[in-house]
């Protein structure tokens, strides 16, 4: 036997085959939620990139589809596929990728596709399935074009993610000059960025403070924040530190929100249900008398992420107001 015949299938093909069999035999039924990319990675002990490739292959075969609010689910087409355990496959084997060619006529697709369409499609994938699910291959399949056609618009995934961030920040309208007073302005931009992070849960993982994304729309947000601090007599160093600190506050809160939503999707357990499940253990600890102050805390004070964000924002701005007042009392 040749060495090529002895070589095992790549991990992603083996995992794809196992999940495909579960779908075709009815173990996973149409409409049922698929394991997430992270769950596949953990269960089979593979990298997230390999798990992403598995999900892309199942989509290419038409066995998995994406539904807003549910994520990746078994496609309705799966019910029409023959069960290999019950009936032989009539005729020669077929390449599953050729069952349905999702691509329109080549010239039509290439002429119609533009950068805006590429970014909107990538954002839609990330909104439903997370940033790990965004790949050039997956994006090409979503748009019905060949992967190479995407490179006319973005050089690689890193550039794609950068442009995705710039696109969503560009959708936030910042009024000029904005509300009266520096505090009202900072509250406005922080709350709008918080809502942006809630709407696009992948956003906080795509930005960096040590290696900032030099893109126009994000830079416009920083410029707006710096302008909000005009007239306070603060140095530019203090103003940029405040702009970065305020943005960090928003991003850290958004990361907590993203982690919670991801935990709900992967476990099917909401935060309220998780706290209920922990109630007996928490009750035993808190009723012991060792933690009287913790026992007095209302449950909603911890689980209300919007409330935590508003508290963090208010206390931060209180501190910055003290700095501004101290600077005003100090002679130049």
C-alpha atoms as a PDB file:
ATOM      1  CA  UNK A   1       0.000   0.000   0.000  1.00  0.00           C
ATOM      2  CA  UNK A   2       1.375   3.422  -0.894  1.00  0.00           C
ATOM      3  CA  UNK A   3       2.279   5.968   1.761  1.00  0.00           C
ATOM      4  CA  UNK A   4      -0.383   8.328   0.419  1.00  0.00           C
ATOM      5  CA  UNK A   5      -3.050   5.656   0.932  1.00  0.00           C
ATOM      6  CA  UNK A   6      -1.957   5.200   4.552  1.00  0.00           C
ATOM      7  CA  UNK A   7      -2.047   8.906   5.357  1.00  0.00           C
ATOM      8  CA  UNK A   8      -5.045   9.690   7.644  1.00  0.00           C
ATOM      9  CA  UNK A   9      -7.640  12.257   6.710  1.00  0.00           C
ATOM     10  CA  UNK A  10      -7.020  15.783   8.013  1.00  0.00           C
ATOM     11  CA  UNK A  11      -8.698  16.379  11.402  1.00  0.00           C
ATOM     12  CA  UNK A  12     -11.309  18.721   9.987  1.00  0.00           C
ATOM     13  CA  UNK A  13     -12.457  16.085   7.461  1.00  0.00           C
ATOM     14  CA  UNK A  14     -12.739  13.424  10.164  1.00  0.00           C
ATOM     15  CA  UNK A  15     -14.766  15.724  12.441  1.00  0.00           C
ATOM     16  CA  UNK A  16     -16.909  16.879   9.519  1.00  0.00           C
ATOM     17  CA  UNK A  17     -17.659  13.251   8.703  1.00  0.00           C
ATOM     18  CA  UNK A  18     -18.733  12.471  12.268  1.00  0.00           C
ATOM     19  CA  UNK A  19     -21.072  15.459  12.470  1.00  0.00           C
ATOM     20  CA  UNK A  20     -22.385  14.778   8.947  1.00  0.00           C
ATOM     21  CA  UNK A  21     -23.300  11.241   9.993  1.00  0.00           C
ATOM     22  CA  UNK A  22     -25.174  12.542  13.035  1.00  0.00           C
ATOM     23  CA  UNK A  23     -27.174  14.870  10.811  1.00  0.00           C
ATOM     24  CA  UNK A  24     -27.958  12.323   8.088  1.00  0.00           C
ATOM     25  CA  UNK A  25     -29.059   9.661  10.573  1.00  0.00           C
ATOM     26  CA  UNK A  26     -31.401  12.086  12.316  1.00  0.00           C
ATOM     27  CA  UNK A  27     -29.471  12.314  15.574  1.00  0.00           C
ATOM     28  CA  UNK A  28     -29.251  16.037  14.867  1.00  0.00           C
ATOM     29  CA  UNK A  29     -32.615  17.125  13.453  1.00  0.00           C
ATOM     30  CA  UNK A  30     -33.427  20.081  11.136  1.00  0.00           C
ATOM     31  CA  UNK A  31     -33.652  23.315  13.102  1.00  0.00           C
ATOM     32  CA  UNK A  32     -31.658  21.922  16.018  1.00  0.00           C
ATOM     33  CA  UNK A  33     -28.783  24.081  17.196  1.00  0.00           C
ATOM     34  CA  UNK A  34     -25.344  22.917  16.107  1.00  0.00           C
ATOM     35  CA  UNK A  35     -22.417  22.708  18.523  1.00  0.00           C
ATOM     36  CA  UNK A  36     -20.603  26.051  18.537  1.00  0.00           C
ATOM     37  CA  UNK A  37     -17.148  26.441  17.058  1.00  0.00           C
ATOM     38  CA  UNK A  38     -15.651  26.604  20.546  1.00  0.00           C
ATOM     39  CA  UNK A  39     -17.563  23.498  21.624  1.00  0.00           C
ATOM     40  CA  UNK A  40     -16.250  21.592  18.589  1.00  0.00           C
ATOM     41  CA  UNK A  41     -12.715  22.764  19.368  1.00  0.00           C
ATOM     42  CA  UNK A  42     -12.962  21.580  22.978  1.00  0.00           C
ATOM     43  CA  UNK A  43     -14.745  18.292  22.282  1.00  0.00           C
ATOM     44  CA  UNK A  44     -12.355  17.121  19.579  1.00  0.00           C
ATOM     45  CA  UNK A  45      -9.270  18.812  21.005  1.00  0.00           C
ATOM     46  CA  UNK A  46      -8.537  20.899  17.908  1.00  0.00           C
ATOM     47  CA  UNK A  47      -7.772  24.544  17.247  1.00  0.00           C
ATOM     48  CA  UNK A  48     -10.566  27.060  16.747  1.00  0.00           C
ATOM     49  CA  UNK A  49      -9.395  27.494  13.143  1.00  0.00           C
ATOM     50  CA  UNK A  50      -9.931  23.764  12.526  1.00  0.00           C
ATOM     51  CA  UNK A  51     -13.386  23.881  14.127  1.00  0.00           C
ATOM     52  CA  UNK A  52     -14.239  26.887  11.948  1.00  0.00           C
ATOM     53  CA  UNK A  53     -13.188  24.880   8.882  1.00  0.00           C
ATOM     54  CA  UNK A  54     -15.516  22.061   9.969  1.00  0.00           C
ATOM     55  CA  UNK A  55     -18.472  24.430  10.188  1.00  0.00           C
ATOM     56  CA  UNK A  56     -17.614  25.958   6.804  1.00  0.00           C
ATOM     57  CA  UNK A  57     -17.493  22.496   5.188  1.00  0.00           C
ATOM     58  CA  UNK A  58     -20.906  21.579   6.603  1.00  0.00           C
ATOM     59  CA  UNK A  59     -22.330  24.836   5.287  1.00  0.00           C
ATOM     60  CA  UNK A  60     -20.835  24.193   1.870  1.00  0.00           C
ATOM     61  CA  UNK A  61     -22.645  20.841   1.825  1.00  0.00           C
ATOM     62  CA  UNK A  62     -25.927  22.527   2.703  1.00  0.00           C
ATOM     63  CA  UNK A  63     -26.259  20.638   5.990  1.00  0.00           C
ATOM     64  CA  UNK A  64     -25.914  23.693   8.231  1.00  0.00           C
ATOM     65  CA  UNK A  65     -27.399  27.161   7.941  1.00  0.00           C
ATOM     66  CA  UNK A  66     -27.313  30.311  10.035  1.00  0.00           C
ATOM     67  CA  UNK A  67     -30.398  31.832  11.602  1.00  0.00           C
ATOM     68  CA  UNK A  68     -30.390  35.189  13.348  1.00  0.00           C
ATOM     69  CA  UNK A  69     -31.005  34.677  17.054  1.00  0.00           C
ATOM     70  CA  UNK A  70     -30.208  30.964  16.925  1.00  0.00           C
ATOM     71  CA  UNK A  71     -26.772  30.820  15.323  1.00  0.00           C
ATOM     72  CA  UNK A  72     -25.787  27.715  13.349  1.00  0.00           C
ATOM     73  CA  UNK A  73     -28.579  25.138  13.062  1.00  0.00           C
ATOM     74  CA  UNK A  74     -29.160  21.968  11.059  1.00  0.00           C
ATOM     75  CA  UNK A  75     -30.545  22.916   7.661  1.00  0.00           C
ATOM     76  CA  UNK A  76     -33.991  21.875   6.510  1.00  0.00           C
ATOM     77  CA  UNK A  77     -32.275  20.315   3.488  1.00  0.00           C
ATOM     78  CA  UNK A  78     -30.745  17.725   5.796  1.00  0.00           C
ATOM     79  CA  UNK A  79     -34.103  15.962   6.065  1.00  0.00           C
ATOM     80  CA  UNK A  80     -34.022  15.346   2.309  1.00  0.00           C
ATOM     81  CA  UNK A  81     -30.615  13.669   2.363  1.00  0.00           C
ATOM     82  CA  UNK A  82     -30.544   9.853   2.276  1.00  0.00           C
ATOM     83  CA  UNK A  83     -29.634   7.999   5.476  1.00  0.00           C
ATOM     84  CA  UNK A  84     -26.508   5.980   4.627  1.00  0.00           C
ATOM     85  CA  UNK A  85     -27.431   3.386   7.278  1.00  0.00           C
ATOM     86  CA  UNK A  86     -30.789   2.592   5.693  1.00  0.00           C
ATOM     87  CA  UNK A  87     -30.292   2.691   1.954  1.00  0.00           C
ATOM     88  CA  UNK A  88     -27.381   2.274  -0.439  1.00  0.00           C
ATOM     89  CA  UNK A  89     -26.256   5.259  -2.396  1.00  0.00           C
ATOM     90  CA  UNK A  90     -27.534   4.778  -5.975  1.00  0.00           C
ATOM     91  CA  UNK A  91     -24.933   5.644  -8.563  1.00  0.00           C
ATOM     92  CA  UNK A  92     -21.406   6.931  -8.169  1.00  0.00           C
ATOM     93  CA  UNK A  93     -20.407   9.121  -5.214  1.00  0.00           C
ATOM     94  CA  UNK A  94     -20.963  12.811  -5.697  1.00  0.00           C
ATOM     95  CA  UNK A  95     -18.928  15.754  -4.517  1.00  0.00           C
ATOM     96  CA  UNK A  96     -21.318  17.338  -1.958  1.00  0.00           C
ATOM     97  CA  UNK A  97     -20.013  20.775  -2.811  1.00  0.00           C
ATOM     98  CA  UNK A  98     -21.459  20.431  -6.305  1.00  0.00           C
ATOM     99  CA  UNK A  99     -25.040  19.680  -5.265  1.00  0.00           C
ATOM    100  CA  UNK A 100     -25.936  23.325  -5.513  1.00  0.00           C
ATOM    101  CA  UNK A 101     -23.605  25.924  -6.893  1.00  0.00           C
ATOM    102  CA  UNK A 102     -24.460  29.103  -4.899  1.00  0.00           C
ATOM    103  CA  UNK A 103     -22.511  31.337  -7.237  1.00  0.00           C
ATOM    104  CA  UNK A 104     -24.349  33.423  -9.816  1.00  0.00           C
ATOM    105  CA  UNK A 105     -22.936  33.867 -13.294  1.00  0.00           C
ATOM    106  CA  UNK A 106     -19.241  34.802 -12.818  1.00  0.00           C
ATOM    107  CA  UNK A 107     -19.258  38.132 -14.629  1.00  0.00           C
ATOM    108  CA  UNK A 108     -22.469  39.260 -12.916  1.00  0.00           C
ATOM    109  CA  UNK A 109     -21.092  38.523  -9.438  1.00  0.00           C
ATOM    110  CA  UNK A 110     -17.804  40.266 -10.037  1.00  0.00           C
ATOM    111  CA  UNK A 111     -19.401  43.365 -11.480  1.00  0.00           C
ATOM    112  CA  UNK A 112     -21.967  43.645  -8.659  1.00  0.00           C
ATOM    113  CA  UNK A 113     -19.664  42.939  -5.709  1.00  0.00           C
ATOM    114  CA  UNK A 114     -18.227  45.974  -3.971  1.00  0.00           C
ATOM    115  CA  UNK A 115     -16.357  46.716  -0.756  1.00  0.00           C
ATOM    116  CA  UNK A 116     -19.510  47.721   1.092  1.00  0.00           C
ATOM    117  CA  UNK A 117     -21.172  44.382   0.346  1.00  0.00           C
ATOM    118  CA  UNK A 118     -18.092  42.500   1.525  1.00  0.00           C
ATOM    119  CA  UNK A 119     -18.008  44.388   4.839  1.00  0.00           C
ATOM    120  CA  UNK A 120     -21.748  44.087   5.459  1.00  0.00           C
ATOM    121  CA  UNK A 121     -21.657  40.336   4.846  1.00  0.00           C
ATOM    122  CA  UNK A 122     -18.647  39.888   7.136  1.00  0.00           C
ATOM    123  CA  UNK A 123     -20.315  41.937   9.884  1.00  0.00           C
ATOM    124  CA  UNK A 124     -23.504  39.875   9.565  1.00  0.00           C
ATOM    125  CA  UNK A 125     -21.528  36.645  10.023  1.00  0.00           C
ATOM    126  CA  UNK A 126     -19.630  38.016  13.026  1.00  0.00           C
ATOM    127  CA  UNK A 127     -22.826  39.340  14.641  1.00  0.00           C
ATOM    128  CA  UNK A 128     -24.425  35.887  14.594  1.00  0.00           C
ATOM    129  CA  UNK A 129     -21.489  33.508  14.986  1.00  0.00           C
ATOM    130  CA  UNK A 130     -18.570  35.531  16.311  1.00  0.00           C
ATOM    131  CA  UNK A 131     -15.331  36.765  14.832  1.00  0.00           C
ATOM    132  CA  UNK A 132     -13.777  33.285  14.603  1.00  0.00           C
ATOM    133  CA  UNK A 133     -16.409  32.308  12.034  1.00  0.00           C
ATOM    134  CA  UNK A 134     -15.315  35.064   9.644  1.00  0.00           C
ATOM    135  CA  UNK A 135     -12.925  33.738   7.021  1.00  0.00           C
ATOM    136  CA  UNK A 136     -12.293  34.575   3.405  1.00  0.00           C
ATOM    137  CA  UNK A 137     -13.661  31.189   2.353  1.00  0.00           C
ATOM    138  CA  UNK A 138     -16.807  31.520   4.448  1.00  0.00           C
ATOM    139  CA  UNK A 139     -17.372  35.087   3.299  1.00  0.00           C
ATOM    140  CA  UNK A 140     -16.987  34.059  -0.353  1.00  0.00           C
ATOM    141  CA  UNK A 141     -19.561  31.295   0.125  1.00  0.00           C
ATOM    142  CA  UNK A 142     -21.967  33.759   1.762  1.00  0.00           C
ATOM    143  CA  UNK A 143     -21.604  36.181  -1.160  1.00  0.00           C
ATOM    144  CA  UNK A 144     -21.699  33.459  -3.819  1.00  0.00           C
ATOM    145  CA  UNK A 145     -18.324  34.306  -5.317  1.00  0.00           C
ATOM    146  CA  UNK A 146     -14.899  32.704  -5.545  1.00  0.00           C
ATOM    147  CA  UNK A 147     -12.564  33.451  -2.605  1.00  0.00           C
ATOM    148  CA  UNK A 148     -10.011  35.107  -4.891  1.00  0.00           C
ATOM    149  CA  UNK A 149     -12.509  37.786  -5.875  1.00  0.00           C
ATOM    150  CA  UNK A 150     -12.501  39.076  -2.278  1.00  0.00           C
ATOM    151  CA  UNK A 151      -8.830  39.988  -2.467  1.00  0.00           C
ATOM    152  CA  UNK A 152      -9.737  42.811  -4.820  1.00  0.00           C
ATOM    153  CA  UNK A 153     -11.364  44.500  -1.822  1.00  0.00           C
ATOM    154  CA  UNK A 154      -9.323  43.353   1.224  1.00  0.00           C
ATOM    155  CA  UNK A 155      -5.779  41.990   1.390  1.00  0.00           C
ATOM    156  CA  UNK A 156      -6.370  39.456   4.194  1.00  0.00           C
ATOM    157  CA  UNK A 157      -8.497  38.727   7.256  1.00  0.00           C
ATOM    158  CA  UNK A 158      -6.630  41.231   9.431  1.00  0.00           C
ATOM    159  CA  UNK A 159      -7.467  44.021   7.016  1.00  0.00           C
ATOM    160  CA  UNK A 160     -11.030  42.727   6.755  1.00  0.00           C
ATOM    161  CA  UNK A 161     -11.530  42.900  10.537  1.00  0.00           C
ATOM    162  CA  UNK A 162      -9.999  46.371  10.649  1.00  0.00           C
ATOM    163  CA  UNK A 163     -12.393  47.577   7.966  1.00  0.00           C
ATOM    164  CA  UNK A 164     -15.324  45.898   9.753  1.00  0.00           C
ATOM    165  CA  UNK A 165     -14.552  47.883  12.904  1.00  0.00           C
ATOM    166  CA  UNK A 166     -14.265  51.097  10.929  1.00  0.00           C
ATOM    167  CA  UNK A 167     -17.574  50.352   9.200  1.00  0.00           C
ATOM    168  CA  UNK A 168     -19.571  49.903  12.414  1.00  0.00           C
ATOM    169  CA  UNK A 169     -18.002  52.976  14.051  1.00  0.00           C
ATOM    170  CA  UNK A 170     -18.946  54.933  10.968  1.00  0.00           C
ATOM    171  CA  UNK A 171     -22.595  54.065  11.584  1.00  0.00           C
ATOM    172  CA  UNK A 172     -22.552  55.986  14.879  1.00  0.00           C
ATOM    173  CA  UNK A 173     -23.588  59.583  14.393  1.00  0.00           C
ATOM    174  CA  UNK A 174     -21.797  62.024  16.671  1.00  0.00           C
ATOM    175  CA  UNK A 175     -23.534  65.414  16.876  1.00  0.00           C
ATOM    176  CA  UNK A 176     -21.553  68.585  16.301  1.00  0.00           C
ATOM    177  CA  UNK A 177     -21.020  70.370  18.577  1.00  0.00           C
ATOM    178  CA  UNK A 178     -22.994  67.991  20.795  1.00  0.00           C
ATOM    179  CA  UNK A 179     -24.670  68.631  24.166  1.00  0.00           C
ATOM    180  CA  UNK A 180     -23.559  71.429  26.464  1.00  0.00           C
ATOM    181  CA  UNK A 181     -20.645  70.689  28.787  1.00  0.00           C
ATOM    182  CA  UNK A 182     -17.764  68.239  28.699  1.00  0.00           C
ATOM    183  CA  UNK A 183     -19.464  65.685  30.975  1.00  0.00           C
ATOM    184  CA  UNK A 184     -22.608  65.454  28.859  1.00  0.00           C
ATOM    185  CA  UNK A 185     -20.455  64.980  25.770  1.00  0.00           C
ATOM    186  CA  UNK A 186     -18.408  62.177  27.323  1.00  0.00           C
ATOM    187  CA  UNK A 187     -21.570  60.476  28.569  1.00  0.00           C
ATOM    188  CA  UNK A 188     -23.020  60.642  25.069  1.00  0.00           C
ATOM    189  CA  UNK A 189     -20.081  59.067  23.265  1.00  0.00           C
ATOM    190  CA  UNK A 190     -19.559  56.401  25.950  1.00  0.00           C
ATOM    191  CA  UNK A 191     -23.206  55.319  25.868  1.00  0.00           C
ATOM    192  CA  UNK A 192     -23.286  55.200  22.094  1.00  0.00           C
ATOM    193  CA  UNK A 193     -20.157  53.058  22.008  1.00  0.00           C
ATOM    194  CA  UNK A 194     -21.679  50.827  24.717  1.00  0.00           C
ATOM    195  CA  UNK A 195     -24.745  50.282  22.547  1.00  0.00           C
ATOM    196  CA  UNK A 196     -22.430  49.558  19.613  1.00  0.00           C
ATOM    197  CA  UNK A 197     -20.651  46.891  21.663  1.00  0.00           C
ATOM    198  CA  UNK A 198     -23.962  45.325  22.672  1.00  0.00           C
ATOM    199  CA  UNK A 199     -25.072  45.217  19.030  1.00  0.00           C
ATOM    200  CA  UNK A 200     -21.757  43.855  17.716  1.00  0.00           C
ATOM    201  CA  UNK A 201     -20.418  41.583  20.459  1.00  0.00           C
ATOM    202  CA  UNK A 202     -17.232  40.835  18.504  1.00  0.00           C
ATOM    203  CA  UNK A 203     -16.174  44.494  18.479  1.00  0.00           C
ATOM    204  CA  UNK A 204     -14.310  44.651  21.832  1.00  0.00           C
ATOM    205  CA  UNK A 205     -12.085  41.734  20.804  1.00  0.00           C
ATOM    206  CA  UNK A 206     -11.171  43.453  17.541  1.00  0.00           C
ATOM    207  CA  UNK A 207      -9.736  46.667  19.006  1.00  0.00           C
ATOM    208  CA  UNK A 208      -6.405  47.281  20.727  1.00  0.00           C
ATOM    209  CA  UNK A 209      -5.027  50.140  22.794  1.00  0.00           C
ATOM    210  CA  UNK A 210      -1.348  49.311  22.362  1.00  0.00           C
ATOM    211  CA  UNK A 211      -1.722  48.805  18.604  1.00  0.00           C
ATOM    212  CA  UNK A 212      -4.677  51.037  17.730  1.00  0.00           C
ATOM    213  CA  UNK A 213      -6.542  50.669  14.462  1.00  0.00           C
ATOM    214  CA  UNK A 214      -5.650  53.685  12.332  1.00  0.00           C
ATOM    215  CA  UNK A 215      -8.921  53.971  10.467  1.00  0.00           C
ATOM    216  CA  UNK A 216     -10.910  57.152   9.804  1.00  0.00           C
ATOM    217  CA  UNK A 217     -14.129  56.463  11.688  1.00  0.00           C
ATOM    218  CA  UNK A 218     -12.452  55.332  14.905  1.00  0.00           C
ATOM    219  CA  UNK A 219     -10.061  58.262  14.697  1.00  0.00           C
ATOM    220  CA  UNK A 220     -13.083  60.553  14.296  1.00  0.00           C
ATOM    221  CA  UNK A 221     -14.417  59.246  17.635  1.00  0.00           C
ATOM    222  CA  UNK A 222     -11.135  60.029  19.360  1.00  0.00           C
ATOM    223  CA  UNK A 223     -11.025  63.477  17.741  1.00  0.00           C
ATOM    224  CA  UNK A 224     -14.598  64.155  18.917  1.00  0.00           C
ATOM    225  CA  UNK A 225     -13.675  63.182  22.480  1.00  0.00           C
ATOM    226  CA  UNK A 226     -10.587  65.414  22.456  1.00  0.00           C
ATOM    227  CA  UNK A 227     -12.681  68.288  21.169  1.00  0.00           C
ATOM    228  CA  UNK A 228     -15.191  67.714  23.999  1.00  0.00           C
ATOM    229  CA  UNK A 229     -12.395  68.606  26.424  1.00  0.00           C
ATOM    230  CA  UNK A 230     -11.571  71.927  24.740  1.00  0.00           C
ATOM    231  CA  UNK A 231     -11.489  74.966  27.007  1.00  0.00           C
ATOM    232  CA  UNK A 232     -10.603  73.097  30.223  1.00  0.00           C
ATOM    233  CA  UNK A 233      -6.946  74.072  30.103  1.00  0.00           C
ATOM    234  CA  UNK A 234      -5.837  70.439  30.137  1.00  0.00           C
ATOM    235  CA  UNK A 235      -2.682  69.318  28.406  1.00  0.00           C
ATOM    236  CA  UNK A 236      -3.021  67.214  25.270  1.00  0.00           C
ATOM    237  CA  UNK A 237      -1.401  64.334  27.161  1.00  0.00           C
ATOM    238  CA  UNK A 238      -4.165  64.411  29.787  1.00  0.00           C
ATOM    239  CA  UNK A 239      -6.857  64.710  27.138  1.00  0.00           C
ATOM    240  CA  UNK A 240      -5.671  61.703  25.117  1.00  0.00           C
ATOM    241  CA  UNK A 241      -5.326  59.638  28.283  1.00  0.00           C
ATOM    242  CA  UNK A 242      -8.900  60.501  29.187  1.00  0.00           C
ATOM    243  CA  UNK A 243     -10.110  59.562  25.688  1.00  0.00           C
ATOM    244  CA  UNK A 244      -8.336  56.192  25.885  1.00  0.00           C
ATOM    245  CA  UNK A 245      -9.469  55.510  29.457  1.00  0.00           C
ATOM    246  CA  UNK A 246     -13.085  56.255  28.605  1.00  0.00           C
ATOM    247  CA  UNK A 247     -12.931  53.954  25.592  1.00  0.00           C
ATOM    248  CA  UNK A 248     -11.285  51.237  27.720  1.00  0.00           C
ATOM    249  CA  UNK A 249     -14.137  51.457  30.205  1.00  0.00           C
ATOM    250  CA  UNK A 250     -16.642  50.838  27.429  1.00  0.00           C
ATOM    251  CA  UNK A 251     -14.647  48.009  25.844  1.00  0.00           C
ATOM    252  CA  UNK A 252     -14.122  46.174  29.145  1.00  0.00           C
ATOM    253  CA  UNK A 253     -17.827  46.345  29.927  1.00  0.00           C
ATOM    254  CA  UNK A 254     -18.634  45.145  26.401  1.00  0.00           C
ATOM    255  CA  UNK A 255     -16.234  42.210  26.828  1.00  0.00           C
ATOM    256  CA  UNK A 256     -18.179  41.097  29.902  1.00  0.00           C
ATOM    257  CA  UNK A 257     -21.400  41.344  27.921  1.00  0.00           C
ATOM    258  CA  UNK A 258     -19.898  39.341  25.042  1.00  0.00           C
ATOM    259  CA  UNK A 259     -18.607  36.647  27.405  1.00  0.00           C
ATOM    260  CA  UNK A 260     -22.042  36.292  28.978  1.00  0.00           C
ATOM    261  CA  UNK A 261     -23.862  36.016  25.646  1.00  0.00           C
ATOM    262  CA  UNK A 262     -21.308  33.445  24.449  1.00  0.00           C
ATOM    263  CA  UNK A 263     -21.758  31.440  27.652  1.00  0.00           C
ATOM    264  CA  UNK A 264     -25.538  31.434  27.147  1.00  0.00           C
ATOM    265  CA  UNK A 265     -25.189  30.283  23.541  1.00  0.00           C
ATOM    266  CA  UNK A 266     -22.758  27.478  24.390  1.00  0.00           C
ATOM    267  CA  UNK A 267     -24.506  26.169  27.510  1.00  0.00           C
ATOM    268  CA  UNK A 268     -28.118  27.169  26.856  1.00  0.00           C
ATOM    269  CA  UNK A 269     -28.203  28.551  30.414  1.00  0.00           C
ATOM    270  CA  UNK A 270     -29.102  32.211  30.938  1.00  0.00           C
ATOM    271  CA  UNK A 271     -27.426  34.257  33.652  1.00  0.00           C
ATOM    272  CA  UNK A 272     -30.615  34.203  35.751  1.00  0.00           C
ATOM    273  CA  UNK A 273     -30.841  30.411  35.462  1.00  0.00           C
ATOM    274  CA  UNK A 274     -27.143  30.104  36.298  1.00  0.00           C
ATOM    275  CA  UNK A 275     -27.657  32.105  39.484  1.00  0.00           C
ATOM    276  CA  UNK A 276     -30.647  29.922  40.395  1.00  0.00           C
ATOM    277  CA  UNK A 277     -28.484  26.825  39.962  1.00  0.00           C
ATOM    278  CA  UNK A 278     -25.856  28.353  42.258  1.00  0.00           C
ATOM    279  CA  UNK A 279     -28.368  29.456  44.868  1.00  0.00           C
ATOM    280  CA  UNK A 280     -28.010  26.428  47.157  1.00  0.00           C
ATOM    281  CA  UNK A 281     -24.232  26.651  47.242  1.00  0.00           C
ATOM    282  CA  UNK A 282     -24.304  30.447  47.583  1.00  0.00           C
ATOM    283  CA  UNK A 283     -26.917  30.158  50.325  1.00  0.00           C
ATOM    284  CA  UNK A 284     -24.793  27.695  52.291  1.00  0.00           C
ATOM    285  CA  UNK A 285     -21.795  30.034  52.129  1.00  0.00           C
ATOM    286  CA  UNK A 286     -23.693  33.234  52.853  1.00  0.00           C
ATOM    287  CA  UNK A 287     -25.811  31.740  55.655  1.00  0.00           C
ATOM    288  CA  UNK A 288     -22.668  30.591  57.436  1.00  0.00           C
ATOM    289  CA  UNK A 289     -22.195  34.078  58.872  1.00  0.00           C
ATOM    290  CA  UNK A 290     -18.669  34.388  57.503  1.00  0.00           C
ATOM    291  CA  UNK A 291     -19.691  36.899  54.833  1.00  0.00           C
ATOM    292  CA  UNK A 292     -22.375  39.187  56.328  1.00  0.00           C
ATOM    293  CA  UNK A 293     -21.740  42.036  53.890  1.00  0.00           C
ATOM    294  CA  UNK A 294     -21.849  39.807  50.817  1.00  0.00           C
ATOM    295  CA  UNK A 295     -25.076  38.263  52.129  1.00  0.00           C
ATOM    296  CA  UNK A 296     -26.705  41.703  52.110  1.00  0.00           C
ATOM    297  CA  UNK A 297     -26.031  42.350  48.393  1.00  0.00           C
ATOM    298  CA  UNK A 298     -29.104  42.155  46.101  1.00  0.00           C
ATOM    299  CA  UNK A 299     -28.656  39.585  43.311  1.00  0.00           C
ATOM    300  CA  UNK A 300     -29.559  42.076  40.576  1.00  0.00           C
ATOM    301  CA  UNK A 301     -26.705  44.375  41.633  1.00  0.00           C
ATOM    302  CA  UNK A 302     -24.235  41.850  40.206  1.00  0.00           C
ATOM    303  CA  UNK A 303     -26.110  40.520  37.173  1.00  0.00           C
ATOM    304  CA  UNK A 304     -27.287  43.899  35.797  1.00  0.00           C
ATOM    305  CA  UNK A 305     -24.513  44.640  33.278  1.00  0.00           C
ATOM    306  CA  UNK A 306     -26.202  47.828  32.059  1.00  0.00           C
ATOM    307  CA  UNK A 307     -26.357  49.039  35.649  1.00  0.00           C
ATOM    308  CA  UNK A 308     -22.704  48.174  36.203  1.00  0.00           C
ATOM    309  CA  UNK A 309     -21.748  50.100  33.074  1.00  0.00           C
ATOM    310  CA  UNK A 310     -23.686  53.189  34.163  1.00  0.00           C
ATOM    311  CA  UNK A 311     -22.152  53.020  37.645  1.00  0.00           C
ATOM    312  CA  UNK A 312     -18.630  52.686  36.229  1.00  0.00           C
ATOM    313  CA  UNK A 313     -19.197  55.581  33.835  1.00  0.00           C
ATOM    314  CA  UNK A 314     -20.592  57.860  36.552  1.00  0.00           C
ATOM    315  CA  UNK A 315     -17.806  57.130  39.057  1.00  0.00           C
ATOM    316  CA  UNK A 316     -15.122  57.571  36.400  1.00  0.00           C
ATOM    317  CA  UNK A 317     -16.527  60.938  35.355  1.00  0.00           C
ATOM    318  CA  UNK A 318     -16.800  61.978  39.023  1.00  0.00           C
ATOM    319  CA  UNK A 319     -13.080  61.345  39.329  1.00  0.00           C
ATOM    320  CA  UNK A 320     -12.292  63.209  36.140  1.00  0.00           C
ATOM    321  CA  UNK A 321     -14.445  66.130  37.328  1.00  0.00           C
ATOM    322  CA  UNK A 322     -12.275  66.323  40.463  1.00  0.00           C
ATOM    323  CA  UNK A 323      -9.178  66.460  38.278  1.00  0.00           C
ATOM    324  CA  UNK A 324     -10.682  69.240  36.158  1.00  0.00           C
ATOM    325  CA  UNK A 325     -11.628  71.216  39.294  1.00  0.00           C
ATOM    326  CA  UNK A 326      -8.169  70.796  40.797  1.00  0.00           C
ATOM    327  CA  UNK A 327      -6.567  71.968  37.568  1.00  0.00           C
ATOM    328  CA  UNK A 328      -8.803  75.039  37.499  1.00  0.00           C
ATOM    329  CA  UNK A 329      -7.649  75.990  41.025  1.00  0.00           C
ATOM    330  CA  UNK A 330      -3.975  75.601  40.149  1.00  0.00           C
ATOM    331  CA  UNK A 331      -2.295  78.737  38.748  1.00  0.00           C
ATOM    332  CA  UNK A 332      -0.874  78.312  35.275  1.00  0.00           C
END
